[in-house]
Amino acid sequence: MAKSEDLHGSHGRADHVRSFYNILLQSLDVLRAWADKIPGFSDLPKEDQELLFQSASLELFVLKAAYRVQPNDEKIIFENGQVFHRLQCMSTFGDWINSIVDFGLSLHRMALDISSLACMSALAMITMRHGLRAPEKMEELQTKIIDCLRDHCTYNAEAQRKPHFFSRILAKITELRTLSRDGLQCMTEVAKYDDAIMVPPPSVIQSFISNQLPF
């Protein structure tokens, strides 16, 4: 009986891990399509585009999921459109999902609007990374996005009513780095189950774990 229960548990765990990987991979595909549409991004060297996206991909994953978090609602809506109850995510996401929810609630308290979110998302990706081939081009694009965000915070009537809105948004981008590292730790821990349940991490996930993300 105990052996049967162990086997059932392994199968259940395997399904959860596959779902975890699918959420990440499908969400990253959606995010990559979004990144390619940022004005000026395609003008950067291909290698820099890849480096910037890969470096920021977990930050973007966190930000997009967090933005959809609502107070008194346990639903988590991922970028690939899948919806889960927070407790359904605990077996694989662990405390990372709670951190994402907390971050989302802090964005809600800021009343972050969609235009600010767009600039915030772009700035999370368009930033200095070790190994860029054309850092000056990245900085030029980064400056344009910062100016766009500053203008929005200065001249938008709704944003004007939010004290220190511009600086608070920039501070939130910094928080994303920590949440991204939490995600990397989460993926590393999930991958430890591979030998037991025969669900090897996809190459993209393994690359994150092996390279530890080029911050």
N, C-alpha and C. Protein backbone atom coordinates (compact mmCIF):
# COMPACT_ATOMS: atom_id res chain seq x y z
N MET A 1 0.83 -1.20 0.00
CA MET A 1 0.00 0.00 0.00
C MET A 1 0.87 1.25 0.00
N ALA A 2 1.93 1.22 0.84
CA ALA A 2 2.82 2.36 0.91
C ALA A 2 3.51 2.59 -0.42
N LYS A 3 3.88 1.50 -1.09
CA LYS A 3 4.55 1.63 -2.38
C LYS A 3 3.62 2.27 -3.40
N SER A 4 2.34 1.86 -3.38
CA SER A 4 1.36 2.43 -4.31
C SER A 4 1.20 3.93 -4.06
N GLU A 5 1.16 4.34 -2.79
CA GLU A 5 1.00 5.75 -2.45
C GLU A 5 2.21 6.56 -2.91
N ASP A 6 3.41 5.98 -2.77
CA ASP A 6 4.62 6.68 -3.21
C ASP A 6 4.58 6.91 -4.72
N LEU A 7 4.14 5.88 -5.45
CA LEU A 7 4.09 5.97 -6.90
C LEU A 7 3.09 7.03 -7.33
N HIS A 8 1.93 7.02 -6.67
CA HIS A 8 0.90 8.01 -6.98
C HIS A 8 1.43 9.42 -6.71
N GLY A 9 2.16 9.55 -5.59
CA GLY A 9 2.71 10.86 -5.26
C GLY A 9 3.71 11.33 -6.28
N SER A 10 4.52 10.39 -6.79
CA SER A 10 5.51 10.74 -7.80
C SER A 10 4.85 11.21 -9.07
N HIS A 11 3.77 10.50 -9.47
CA HIS A 11 3.06 10.90 -10.68
C HIS A 11 2.45 12.28 -10.51
N GLY A 12 1.87 12.54 -9.33
CA GLY A 12 1.29 13.85 -9.08
C GLY A 12 2.33 14.94 -9.11
N ARG A 13 3.48 14.66 -8.52
CA ARG A 13 4.57 15.62 -8.51
C ARG A 13 5.06 15.89 -9.93
N ALA A 14 5.17 14.83 -10.72
CA ALA A 14 5.63 14.98 -12.11
C ALA A 14 4.69 15.90 -12.89
N ASP A 15 3.40 15.74 -12.69
CA ASP A 15 2.43 16.60 -13.38
C ASP A 15 2.60 18.05 -12.97
N HIS A 16 2.84 18.28 -11.68
CA HIS A 16 3.03 19.64 -11.19
C HIS A 16 4.29 20.27 -11.79
N VAL A 17 5.35 19.47 -11.89
CA VAL A 17 6.60 19.99 -12.44
C VAL A 17 6.45 20.30 -13.92
N ARG A 18 5.78 19.41 -14.66
CA ARG A 18 5.54 19.68 -16.08
C ARG A 18 4.73 20.96 -16.26
N SER A 19 3.72 21.13 -15.43
CA SER A 19 2.89 22.34 -15.49
C SER A 19 3.73 23.58 -15.19
N PHE A 20 4.61 23.48 -14.21
CA PHE A 20 5.51 24.58 -13.84
C PHE A 20 6.38 24.98 -15.03
N TYR A 21 7.00 23.98 -15.67
CA TYR A 21 7.85 24.27 -16.82
C TYR A 21 7.05 24.86 -17.98
N ASN A 22 5.86 24.33 -18.21
CA ASN A 22 5.02 24.83 -19.31
C ASN A 22 4.62 26.29 -19.08
N ILE A 23 4.26 26.62 -17.86
CA ILE A 23 3.91 28.01 -17.54
C ILE A 23 5.08 28.93 -17.86
N LEU A 24 6.26 28.54 -17.41
CA LEU A 24 7.44 29.37 -17.64
C LEU A 24 7.76 29.51 -19.13
N LEU A 25 7.82 28.39 -19.83
CA LEU A 25 8.21 28.42 -21.24
C LEU A 25 7.20 29.17 -22.10
N GLN A 26 5.93 28.90 -21.91
CA GLN A 26 4.91 29.57 -22.71
C GLN A 26 4.85 31.07 -22.39
N SER A 27 5.03 31.41 -21.13
CA SER A 27 5.04 32.83 -20.75
C SER A 27 6.25 33.54 -21.36
N LEU A 28 7.39 32.87 -21.38
CA LEU A 28 8.59 33.47 -21.97
C LEU A 28 8.41 33.69 -23.47
N ASP A 29 7.71 32.79 -24.13
CA ASP A 29 7.43 32.98 -25.56
C ASP A 29 6.59 34.24 -25.79
N VAL A 30 5.59 34.43 -24.95
CA VAL A 30 4.73 35.62 -25.07
C VAL A 30 5.54 36.88 -24.78
N LEU A 31 6.38 36.81 -23.77
CA LEU A 31 7.19 37.97 -23.40
C LEU A 31 8.21 38.31 -24.48
N ARG A 32 8.74 37.30 -25.14
CA ARG A 32 9.71 37.58 -26.21
C ARG A 32 9.03 38.30 -27.37
N ALA A 33 7.83 37.88 -27.70
CA ALA A 33 7.07 38.55 -28.76
C ALA A 33 6.80 40.01 -28.37
N TRP A 34 6.52 40.23 -27.09
CA TRP A 34 6.32 41.60 -26.60
C TRP A 34 7.60 42.42 -26.72
N ALA A 35 8.72 41.83 -26.31
CA ALA A 35 10.00 42.54 -26.33
C ALA A 35 10.38 42.98 -27.74
N ASP A 36 10.12 42.12 -28.71
CA ASP A 36 10.48 42.43 -30.09
C ASP A 36 9.72 43.63 -30.64
N LYS A 37 8.61 43.99 -29.98
CA LYS A 37 7.78 45.10 -30.46
C LYS A 37 8.15 46.44 -29.81
N ILE A 38 9.08 46.42 -28.86
CA ILE A 38 9.50 47.68 -28.24
C ILE A 38 10.22 48.53 -29.28
N PRO A 39 9.76 49.75 -29.50
CA PRO A 39 10.42 50.61 -30.51
C PRO A 39 11.91 50.79 -30.20
N GLY A 40 12.73 50.48 -31.19
CA GLY A 40 14.17 50.63 -31.03
C GLY A 40 14.88 49.37 -30.60
N PHE A 41 14.16 48.40 -30.06
CA PHE A 41 14.81 47.18 -29.59
C PHE A 41 15.42 46.39 -30.74
N SER A 42 14.72 46.32 -31.85
CA SER A 42 15.21 45.56 -33.00
C SER A 42 16.42 46.22 -33.66
N ASP A 43 16.70 47.48 -33.31
CA ASP A 43 17.87 48.17 -33.86
C ASP A 43 19.15 47.80 -33.13
N LEU A 44 19.03 47.18 -31.98
CA LEU A 44 20.20 46.73 -31.24
C LEU A 44 20.78 45.49 -31.91
N PRO A 45 22.08 45.22 -31.72
CA PRO A 45 22.66 43.99 -32.26
C PRO A 45 21.88 42.76 -31.77
N LYS A 46 21.76 41.77 -32.63
CA LYS A 46 21.00 40.57 -32.28
C LYS A 46 21.50 39.94 -30.98
N GLU A 47 22.83 39.92 -30.83
CA GLU A 47 23.39 39.33 -29.62
C GLU A 47 22.96 40.10 -28.37
N ASP A 48 22.88 41.42 -28.50
CA ASP A 48 22.46 42.23 -27.36
C ASP A 48 20.98 42.05 -27.07
N GLN A 49 20.18 41.91 -28.11
CA GLN A 49 18.76 41.65 -27.91
C GLN A 49 18.57 40.37 -27.09
N GLU A 50 19.31 39.34 -27.48
CA GLU A 50 19.19 38.05 -26.80
C GLU A 50 19.66 38.15 -25.34
N LEU A 51 20.79 38.83 -25.14
CA LEU A 51 21.34 38.97 -23.79
C LEU A 51 20.39 39.76 -22.89
N LEU A 52 19.86 40.86 -23.41
CA LEU A 52 18.96 41.70 -22.60
C LEU A 52 17.69 40.95 -22.23
N PHE A 53 17.14 40.22 -23.19
CA PHE A 53 15.90 39.50 -22.89
C PHE A 53 16.16 38.36 -21.91
N GLN A 54 17.18 37.55 -22.18
CA GLN A 54 17.46 36.42 -21.30
C GLN A 54 17.75 36.89 -19.88
N SER A 55 18.47 38.00 -19.75
CA SER A 55 18.83 38.50 -18.43
C SER A 55 17.62 39.00 -17.65
N ALA A 56 16.64 39.52 -18.37
CA ALA A 56 15.47 40.13 -17.72
C ALA A 56 14.23 39.24 -17.75
N SER A 57 14.32 38.08 -18.34
CA SER A 57 13.12 37.28 -18.60
C SER A 57 12.36 36.92 -17.32
N LEU A 58 13.08 36.56 -16.27
CA LEU A 58 12.39 36.21 -15.02
C LEU A 58 11.81 37.46 -14.35
N GLU A 59 12.51 38.58 -14.48
CA GLU A 59 11.97 39.84 -13.95
C GLU A 59 10.65 40.19 -14.65
N LEU A 60 10.63 40.02 -15.95
CA LEU A 60 9.41 40.31 -16.72
C LEU A 60 8.30 39.34 -16.36
N PHE A 61 8.65 38.07 -16.18
CA PHE A 61 7.67 37.06 -15.79
C PHE A 61 7.01 37.46 -14.47
N VAL A 62 7.83 37.87 -13.51
CA VAL A 62 7.32 38.29 -12.21
C VAL A 62 6.44 39.52 -12.34
N LEU A 63 6.93 40.53 -13.06
CA LEU A 63 6.21 41.79 -13.17
C LEU A 63 4.84 41.62 -13.81
N LYS A 64 4.78 40.85 -14.90
CA LYS A 64 3.51 40.69 -15.60
C LYS A 64 2.50 39.91 -14.76
N ALA A 65 2.97 38.87 -14.08
CA ALA A 65 2.06 38.10 -13.22
C ALA A 65 1.63 38.93 -12.01
N ALA A 66 2.57 39.68 -11.45
CA ALA A 66 2.27 40.49 -10.26
C ALA A 66 1.26 41.58 -10.58
N TYR A 67 1.36 42.16 -11.76
CA TYR A 67 0.48 43.27 -12.11
C TYR A 67 -0.99 42.84 -12.13
N ARG A 68 -1.23 41.56 -12.39
CA ARG A 68 -2.61 41.06 -12.47
C ARG A 68 -3.17 40.66 -11.10
N VAL A 69 -2.33 40.68 -10.08
CA VAL A 69 -2.79 40.33 -8.73
C VAL A 69 -3.76 41.39 -8.22
N GLN A 70 -4.84 40.93 -7.63
CA GLN A 70 -5.85 41.83 -7.07
C GLN A 70 -6.05 41.51 -5.58
N PRO A 71 -6.31 42.54 -4.77
CA PRO A 71 -6.56 42.29 -3.34
C PRO A 71 -7.76 41.37 -3.14
N ASN A 72 -7.66 40.52 -2.14
CA ASN A 72 -8.76 39.61 -1.78
C ASN A 72 -9.13 38.65 -2.91
N ASP A 73 -8.17 38.37 -3.77
CA ASP A 73 -8.39 37.42 -4.87
C ASP A 73 -7.16 36.52 -4.95
N GLU A 74 -7.38 35.24 -4.83
CA GLU A 74 -6.27 34.28 -4.79
C GLU A 74 -5.86 33.79 -6.18
N LYS A 75 -6.47 34.32 -7.23
CA LYS A 75 -6.13 33.87 -8.58
C LYS A 75 -4.78 34.43 -9.02
N ILE A 76 -4.00 33.58 -9.69
CA ILE A 76 -2.75 33.99 -10.32
C ILE A 76 -2.93 33.82 -11.82
N ILE A 77 -2.80 34.90 -12.55
CA ILE A 77 -2.96 34.86 -14.01
C ILE A 77 -1.59 35.04 -14.65
N PHE A 78 -1.12 33.99 -15.30
CA PHE A 78 0.21 34.03 -15.91
C PHE A 78 0.15 34.60 -17.32
N GLU A 79 1.32 34.91 -17.85
CA GLU A 79 1.40 35.59 -19.14
C GLU A 79 0.89 34.72 -20.29
N ASN A 80 0.91 33.40 -20.11
CA ASN A 80 0.41 32.51 -21.15
C ASN A 80 -1.11 32.35 -21.09
N GLY A 81 -1.76 33.06 -20.17
CA GLY A 81 -3.22 33.03 -20.07
C GLY A 81 -3.76 32.02 -19.09
N GLN A 82 -2.91 31.15 -18.55
CA GLN A 82 -3.38 30.16 -17.59
C GLN A 82 -3.68 30.82 -16.24
N VAL A 83 -4.71 30.31 -15.59
CA VAL A 83 -5.15 30.86 -14.30
C VAL A 83 -5.11 29.74 -13.26
N PHE A 84 -4.48 30.02 -12.13
CA PHE A 84 -4.41 29.05 -11.04
C PHE A 84 -4.74 29.74 -9.73
N HIS A 85 -5.25 28.96 -8.78
CA HIS A 85 -5.35 29.45 -7.41
C HIS A 85 -3.94 29.48 -6.82
N ARG A 86 -3.68 30.44 -5.99
CA ARG A 86 -2.33 30.56 -5.42
C ARG A 86 -1.86 29.26 -4.77
N LEU A 87 -2.76 28.58 -4.06
CA LEU A 87 -2.38 27.35 -3.37
C LEU A 87 -2.00 26.25 -4.35
N GLN A 88 -2.56 26.28 -5.57
CA GLN A 88 -2.19 25.30 -6.59
C GLN A 88 -0.74 25.47 -7.03
N CYS A 89 -0.22 26.66 -6.88
CA CYS A 89 1.15 26.96 -7.32
C CYS A 89 2.19 26.62 -6.27
N MET A 90 1.76 26.41 -5.03
CA MET A 90 2.71 26.29 -3.93
C MET A 90 3.64 25.10 -4.06
N SER A 91 3.15 23.99 -4.64
CA SER A 91 3.96 22.77 -4.66
C SER A 91 5.21 22.92 -5.51
N THR A 92 5.18 23.81 -6.49
CA THR A 92 6.37 24.02 -7.33
C THR A 92 6.95 25.43 -7.16
N PHE A 93 6.11 26.44 -7.17
CA PHE A 93 6.61 27.81 -7.02
C PHE A 93 7.05 28.11 -5.59
N GLY A 94 6.47 27.41 -4.62
CA GLY A 94 6.85 27.62 -3.23
C GLY A 94 6.65 29.07 -2.80
N ASP A 95 7.59 29.56 -1.99
CA ASP A 95 7.48 30.93 -1.47
C ASP A 95 7.61 31.98 -2.57
N TRP A 96 8.16 31.59 -3.73
CA TRP A 96 8.29 32.55 -4.83
C TRP A 96 6.92 33.11 -5.21
N ILE A 97 5.90 32.27 -5.23
CA ILE A 97 4.57 32.76 -5.63
C ILE A 97 4.04 33.74 -4.59
N ASN A 98 4.35 33.51 -3.31
CA ASN A 98 3.91 34.46 -2.29
C ASN A 98 4.62 35.80 -2.45
N SER A 99 5.89 35.75 -2.83
CA SER A 99 6.64 36.99 -3.07
C SER A 99 6.08 37.75 -4.27
N ILE A 100 5.68 37.00 -5.30
CA ILE A 100 5.07 37.62 -6.48
C ILE A 100 3.75 38.30 -6.10
N VAL A 101 2.96 37.61 -5.28
CA VAL A 101 1.68 38.18 -4.84
C VAL A 101 1.91 39.45 -4.01
N ASP A 102 2.86 39.39 -3.09
CA ASP A 102 3.16 40.57 -2.26
C ASP A 102 3.61 41.74 -3.12
N PHE A 103 4.44 41.45 -4.11
CA PHE A 103 4.91 42.50 -5.02
C PHE A 103 3.73 43.08 -5.80
N GLY A 104 2.84 42.20 -6.24
CA GLY A 104 1.67 42.65 -6.98
C GLY A 104 0.77 43.54 -6.15
N LEU A 105 0.60 43.21 -4.89
CA LEU A 105 -0.22 44.03 -4.01
C LEU A 105 0.41 45.40 -3.79
N SER A 106 1.75 45.44 -3.76
CA SER A 106 2.42 46.73 -3.60
C SER A 106 2.25 47.58 -4.86
N LEU A 107 2.22 46.95 -6.03
CA LEU A 107 1.94 47.69 -7.27
C LEU A 107 0.51 48.22 -7.26
N HIS A 108 -0.40 47.40 -6.74
CA HIS A 108 -1.80 47.82 -6.67
C HIS A 108 -1.96 49.03 -5.76
N ARG A 109 -1.24 49.04 -4.65
CA ARG A 109 -1.31 50.19 -3.74
C ARG A 109 -0.74 51.45 -4.38
N MET A 110 0.20 51.27 -5.29
CA MET A 110 0.75 52.41 -6.03
C MET A 110 -0.20 52.91 -7.11
N ALA A 111 -1.20 52.10 -7.43
CA ALA A 111 -2.12 52.40 -8.54
C ALA A 111 -1.33 52.58 -9.83
N LEU A 112 -0.48 51.60 -10.11
CA LEU A 112 0.35 51.64 -11.32
C LEU A 112 -0.53 51.50 -12.56
N ASP A 113 -0.48 52.49 -13.43
CA ASP A 113 -1.31 52.47 -14.63
C ASP A 113 -0.60 51.72 -15.75
N ILE A 114 -1.32 51.45 -16.82
CA ILE A 114 -0.80 50.60 -17.89
C ILE A 114 0.38 51.25 -18.62
N SER A 115 0.36 52.58 -18.77
CA SER A 115 1.48 53.26 -19.43
C SER A 115 2.74 53.17 -18.59
N SER A 116 2.60 53.34 -17.29
CA SER A 116 3.74 53.21 -16.39
C SER A 116 4.27 51.78 -16.39
N LEU A 117 3.35 50.82 -16.43
CA LEU A 117 3.76 49.41 -16.50
C LEU A 117 4.57 49.14 -17.75
N ALA A 118 4.15 49.71 -18.88
CA ALA A 118 4.87 49.49 -20.14
C ALA A 118 6.29 50.02 -20.04
N CYS A 119 6.45 51.22 -19.49
CA CYS A 119 7.79 51.80 -19.34
C CYS A 119 8.61 51.00 -18.33
N MET A 120 7.98 50.61 -17.24
CA MET A 120 8.66 49.84 -16.21
C MET A 120 9.16 48.50 -16.76
N SER A 121 8.32 47.85 -17.55
CA SER A 121 8.70 46.57 -18.17
C SER A 121 9.89 46.76 -19.10
N ALA A 122 9.83 47.81 -19.92
CA ALA A 122 10.91 48.06 -20.87
C ALA A 122 12.21 48.36 -20.14
N LEU A 123 12.14 49.15 -19.08
CA LEU A 123 13.35 49.52 -18.34
C LEU A 123 13.94 48.33 -17.57
N ALA A 124 13.10 47.37 -17.19
CA ALA A 124 13.61 46.17 -16.55
C ALA A 124 14.52 45.40 -17.50
N MET A 125 14.24 45.50 -18.78
CA MET A 125 15.02 44.78 -19.78
C MET A 125 16.13 45.63 -20.39
N ILE A 126 15.82 46.89 -20.70
CA ILE A 126 16.79 47.77 -21.35
C ILE A 126 17.65 48.41 -20.27
N THR A 127 18.67 47.71 -19.85
CA THR A 127 19.56 48.18 -18.79
C THR A 127 20.94 47.57 -19.01
N MET A 128 21.93 48.11 -18.33
CA MET A 128 23.30 47.65 -18.54
C MET A 128 23.47 46.20 -18.08
N ARG A 129 24.01 45.39 -18.96
CA ARG A 129 24.32 43.99 -18.65
C ARG A 129 25.74 43.70 -19.10
N HIS A 130 26.42 42.90 -18.33
CA HIS A 130 27.79 42.51 -18.69
C HIS A 130 27.78 41.73 -20.00
N GLY A 131 28.62 42.15 -20.93
CA GLY A 131 28.75 41.43 -22.19
C GLY A 131 28.06 42.07 -23.37
N LEU A 132 27.43 43.22 -23.18
CA LEU A 132 26.77 43.90 -24.30
C LEU A 132 27.80 44.32 -25.34
N ARG A 133 27.48 44.14 -26.60
CA ARG A 133 28.39 44.52 -27.68
C ARG A 133 28.29 46.00 -28.02
N ALA A 134 27.11 46.58 -27.85
CA ALA A 134 26.90 47.99 -28.17
C ALA A 134 26.18 48.68 -27.00
N PRO A 135 26.87 48.84 -25.87
CA PRO A 135 26.23 49.43 -24.69
C PRO A 135 25.73 50.85 -24.92
N GLU A 136 26.40 51.58 -25.82
CA GLU A 136 25.97 52.96 -26.07
C GLU A 136 24.60 53.00 -26.75
N LYS A 137 24.32 52.04 -27.60
CA LYS A 137 23.00 51.97 -28.23
C LYS A 137 21.93 51.62 -27.21
N MET A 138 22.27 50.71 -26.31
CA MET A 138 21.33 50.36 -25.24
C MET A 138 21.04 51.58 -24.38
N GLU A 139 22.09 52.33 -24.03
CA GLU A 139 21.91 53.50 -23.16
C GLU A 139 21.06 54.57 -23.84
N GLU A 140 21.22 54.71 -25.14
CA GLU A 140 20.41 55.68 -25.89
C GLU A 140 18.94 55.30 -25.83
N LEU A 141 18.65 54.01 -26.01
CA LEU A 141 17.27 53.54 -25.94
C LEU A 141 16.74 53.66 -24.51
N GLN A 142 17.57 53.32 -23.55
CA GLN A 142 17.18 53.42 -22.14
C GLN A 142 16.80 54.85 -21.78
N THR A 143 17.60 55.81 -22.25
CA THR A 143 17.33 57.22 -21.96
C THR A 143 15.98 57.65 -22.53
N LYS A 144 15.66 57.19 -23.72
CA LYS A 144 14.37 57.52 -24.33
C LYS A 144 13.21 56.99 -23.50
N ILE A 145 13.36 55.77 -22.99
CA ILE A 145 12.29 55.17 -22.19
C ILE A 145 12.15 55.90 -20.86
N ILE A 146 13.28 56.24 -20.24
CA ILE A 146 13.24 56.99 -18.98
C ILE A 146 12.56 58.34 -19.18
N ASP A 147 12.91 59.02 -20.27
CA ASP A 147 12.28 60.31 -20.57
C ASP A 147 10.78 60.16 -20.78
N CYS A 148 10.39 59.08 -21.43
CA CYS A 148 8.97 58.81 -21.66
C CYS A 148 8.24 58.60 -20.34
N LEU A 149 8.85 57.83 -19.45
CA LEU A 149 8.24 57.59 -18.14
C LEU A 149 8.18 58.88 -17.33
N ARG A 150 9.27 59.66 -17.36
CA ARG A 150 9.29 60.92 -16.61
C ARG A 150 8.21 61.88 -17.12
N ASP A 151 8.07 61.97 -18.43
CA ASP A 151 7.03 62.84 -19.00
C ASP A 151 5.63 62.38 -18.57
N HIS A 152 5.43 61.07 -18.57
CA HIS A 152 4.13 60.53 -18.15
C HIS A 152 3.84 60.89 -16.70
N CYS A 153 4.85 60.73 -15.84
CA CYS A 153 4.66 61.02 -14.42
C CYS A 153 4.49 62.51 -14.16
N THR A 154 5.05 63.34 -15.06
CA THR A 154 5.00 64.79 -14.88
C THR A 154 3.72 65.40 -15.41
N TYR A 155 3.28 64.93 -16.57
CA TYR A 155 2.19 65.61 -17.27
C TYR A 155 0.85 64.88 -17.23
N ASN A 156 0.85 63.59 -16.92
CA ASN A 156 -0.41 62.86 -16.84
C ASN A 156 -1.16 63.28 -15.57
N ALA A 157 -2.42 63.65 -15.73
CA ALA A 157 -3.19 64.18 -14.61
C ALA A 157 -3.29 63.19 -13.46
N GLU A 158 -3.51 61.93 -13.79
CA GLU A 158 -3.64 60.90 -12.75
C GLU A 158 -2.31 60.69 -12.04
N ALA A 159 -1.22 60.62 -12.82
CA ALA A 159 0.10 60.39 -12.23
C ALA A 159 0.54 61.56 -11.36
N GLN A 160 0.11 62.76 -11.70
CA GLN A 160 0.48 63.95 -10.92
C GLN A 160 -0.02 63.87 -9.49
N ARG A 161 -1.07 63.11 -9.26
CA ARG A 161 -1.65 63.02 -7.92
C ARG A 161 -0.96 61.96 -7.05
N LYS A 162 0.06 61.31 -7.61
CA LYS A 162 0.77 60.26 -6.88
C LYS A 162 2.16 60.77 -6.49
N PRO A 163 2.40 61.03 -5.21
CA PRO A 163 3.68 61.59 -4.76
C PRO A 163 4.87 60.69 -5.13
N HIS A 164 5.90 61.30 -5.66
CA HIS A 164 7.16 60.61 -5.97
C HIS A 164 6.94 59.37 -6.84
N PHE A 165 6.00 59.45 -7.74
CA PHE A 165 5.62 58.29 -8.54
C PHE A 165 6.79 57.79 -9.39
N PHE A 166 7.51 58.71 -10.02
CA PHE A 166 8.63 58.34 -10.89
C PHE A 166 9.70 57.57 -10.11
N SER A 167 10.13 58.10 -8.98
CA SER A 167 11.18 57.44 -8.20
C SER A 167 10.70 56.12 -7.60
N ARG A 168 9.43 56.04 -7.27
CA ARG A 168 8.89 54.80 -6.71
C ARG A 168 8.88 53.70 -7.77
N ILE A 169 8.59 54.05 -9.01
CA ILE A 169 8.61 53.06 -10.09
C ILE A 169 10.02 52.54 -10.29
N LEU A 170 11.00 53.44 -10.31
CA LEU A 170 12.39 53.01 -10.48
C LEU A 170 12.83 52.10 -9.34
N ALA A 171 12.37 52.38 -8.13
CA ALA A 171 12.71 51.53 -6.99
C ALA A 171 12.11 50.14 -7.14
N LYS A 172 10.91 50.07 -7.70
CA LYS A 172 10.26 48.77 -7.91
C LYS A 172 11.03 47.93 -8.93
N ILE A 173 11.65 48.58 -9.91
CA ILE A 173 12.45 47.84 -10.89
C ILE A 173 13.61 47.15 -10.18
N THR A 174 14.20 47.83 -9.21
CA THR A 174 15.30 47.24 -8.44
C THR A 174 14.82 46.01 -7.67
N GLU A 175 13.62 46.08 -7.13
CA GLU A 175 13.06 44.94 -6.39
C GLU A 175 12.91 43.71 -7.28
N LEU A 176 12.68 43.94 -8.56
CA LEU A 176 12.50 42.81 -9.49
C LEU A 176 13.75 41.94 -9.56
N ARG A 177 14.92 42.55 -9.38
CA ARG A 177 16.16 41.76 -9.42
C ARG A 177 16.14 40.68 -8.34
N THR A 178 15.75 41.07 -7.14
CA THR A 178 15.69 40.11 -6.04
C THR A 178 14.67 39.01 -6.32
N LEU A 179 13.51 39.39 -6.83
CA LEU A 179 12.47 38.41 -7.13
C LEU A 179 12.90 37.48 -8.26
N SER A 180 13.71 37.98 -9.17
CA SER A 180 14.23 37.14 -10.24
C SER A 180 15.18 36.09 -9.68
N ARG A 181 16.02 36.49 -8.76
CA ARG A 181 16.94 35.54 -8.12
C ARG A 181 16.17 34.50 -7.31
N ASP A 182 15.09 34.93 -6.68
CA ASP A 182 14.23 33.97 -5.97
C ASP A 182 13.67 32.94 -6.95
N GLY A 183 13.32 33.39 -8.15
CA GLY A 183 12.81 32.49 -9.17
C GLY A 183 13.85 31.50 -9.63
N LEU A 184 15.07 31.97 -9.76
CA LEU A 184 16.17 31.09 -10.16
C LEU A 184 16.40 30.01 -9.10
N GLN A 185 16.33 30.41 -7.84
CA GLN A 185 16.47 29.44 -6.76
C GLN A 185 15.33 28.44 -6.78
N CYS A 186 14.13 28.91 -7.08
CA CYS A 186 12.96 28.03 -7.18
C CYS A 186 13.16 27.00 -8.29
N MET A 187 13.62 27.44 -9.46
CA MET A 187 13.85 26.51 -10.57
C MET A 187 14.92 25.49 -10.23
N THR A 188 15.95 25.93 -9.53
CA THR A 188 17.02 25.03 -9.13
C THR A 188 16.49 23.93 -8.21
N GLU A 189 15.63 24.32 -7.27
CA GLU A 189 15.07 23.35 -6.33
C GLU A 189 14.12 22.38 -7.03
N VAL A 190 13.32 22.89 -7.96
CA VAL A 190 12.41 22.02 -8.71
C VAL A 190 13.21 21.00 -9.52
N ALA A 191 14.32 21.44 -10.11
CA ALA A 191 15.13 20.55 -10.94
C ALA A 191 15.74 19.40 -10.14
N LYS A 192 15.86 19.57 -8.83
CA LYS A 192 16.43 18.51 -8.00
C LYS A 192 15.57 17.26 -7.99
N TYR A 193 14.30 17.40 -8.35
CA TYR A 193 13.39 16.25 -8.36
C TYR A 193 13.56 15.40 -9.62
N ASP A 194 14.35 15.85 -10.58
CA ASP A 194 14.39 15.20 -11.89
C ASP A 194 14.75 13.73 -11.82
N ASP A 195 15.76 13.39 -11.03
CA ASP A 195 16.21 12.00 -10.98
C ASP A 195 15.11 11.08 -10.45
N ALA A 196 14.30 11.60 -9.54
CA ALA A 196 13.28 10.76 -8.92
C ALA A 196 12.03 10.63 -9.77
N ILE A 197 11.64 11.69 -10.46
CA ILE A 197 10.36 11.67 -11.16
C ILE A 197 10.51 11.71 -12.68
N MET A 198 11.76 11.72 -13.16
CA MET A 198 12.02 11.61 -14.61
C MET A 198 11.36 12.74 -15.41
N VAL A 199 11.46 13.97 -14.91
CA VAL A 199 10.99 15.13 -15.66
C VAL A 199 12.15 16.11 -15.77
N PRO A 200 13.05 15.89 -16.72
CA PRO A 200 14.21 16.77 -16.84
C PRO A 200 13.79 18.18 -17.24
N PRO A 201 14.48 19.19 -16.74
CA PRO A 201 14.11 20.57 -17.11
C PRO A 201 14.38 20.82 -18.58
N PRO A 202 13.51 21.57 -19.26
CA PRO A 202 13.76 21.94 -20.66
C PRO A 202 15.08 22.70 -20.78
N SER A 203 15.63 22.72 -21.97
CA SER A 203 16.95 23.32 -22.18
C SER A 203 17.00 24.79 -21.74
N VAL A 204 15.91 25.52 -21.97
CA VAL A 204 15.88 26.93 -21.56
C VAL A 204 16.01 27.06 -20.05
N ILE A 205 15.27 26.23 -19.33
CA ILE A 205 15.32 26.25 -17.87
C ILE A 205 16.70 25.81 -17.38
N GLN A 206 17.24 24.77 -17.99
CA GLN A 206 18.56 24.29 -17.60
C GLN A 206 19.62 25.35 -17.84
N SER A 207 19.44 26.12 -18.91
CA SER A 207 20.38 27.21 -19.22
C SER A 207 20.36 28.27 -18.13
N PHE A 208 19.16 28.61 -17.65
CA PHE A 208 19.06 29.57 -16.54
C PHE A 208 19.83 29.06 -15.33
N ILE A 209 19.61 27.79 -15.01
CA ILE A 209 20.22 27.21 -13.82
C ILE A 209 21.74 27.14 -13.98
N SER A 210 22.20 26.72 -15.15
CA SER A 210 23.63 26.54 -15.38
C SER A 210 24.38 27.87 -15.44
N ASN A 211 23.76 28.84 -16.11
CA ASN A 211 24.43 30.13 -16.30
C ASN A 211 24.21 31.09 -15.15
N GLN A 212 23.22 30.80 -14.31
CA GLN A 212 22.90 31.66 -13.18
C GLN A 212 22.55 33.08 -13.60
N LEU A 213 22.09 33.24 -14.83
CA LEU A 213 21.65 34.53 -15.38
C LEU A 213 22.77 35.58 -15.37
N PRO A 214 23.04 36.20 -16.50
CA PRO A 214 24.14 37.17 -16.59
C PRO A 214 23.77 38.55 -16.09
N PHE A 215 23.68 38.74 -14.76
CA PHE A 215 23.32 40.06 -14.23
C PHE A 215 24.49 41.02 -14.41
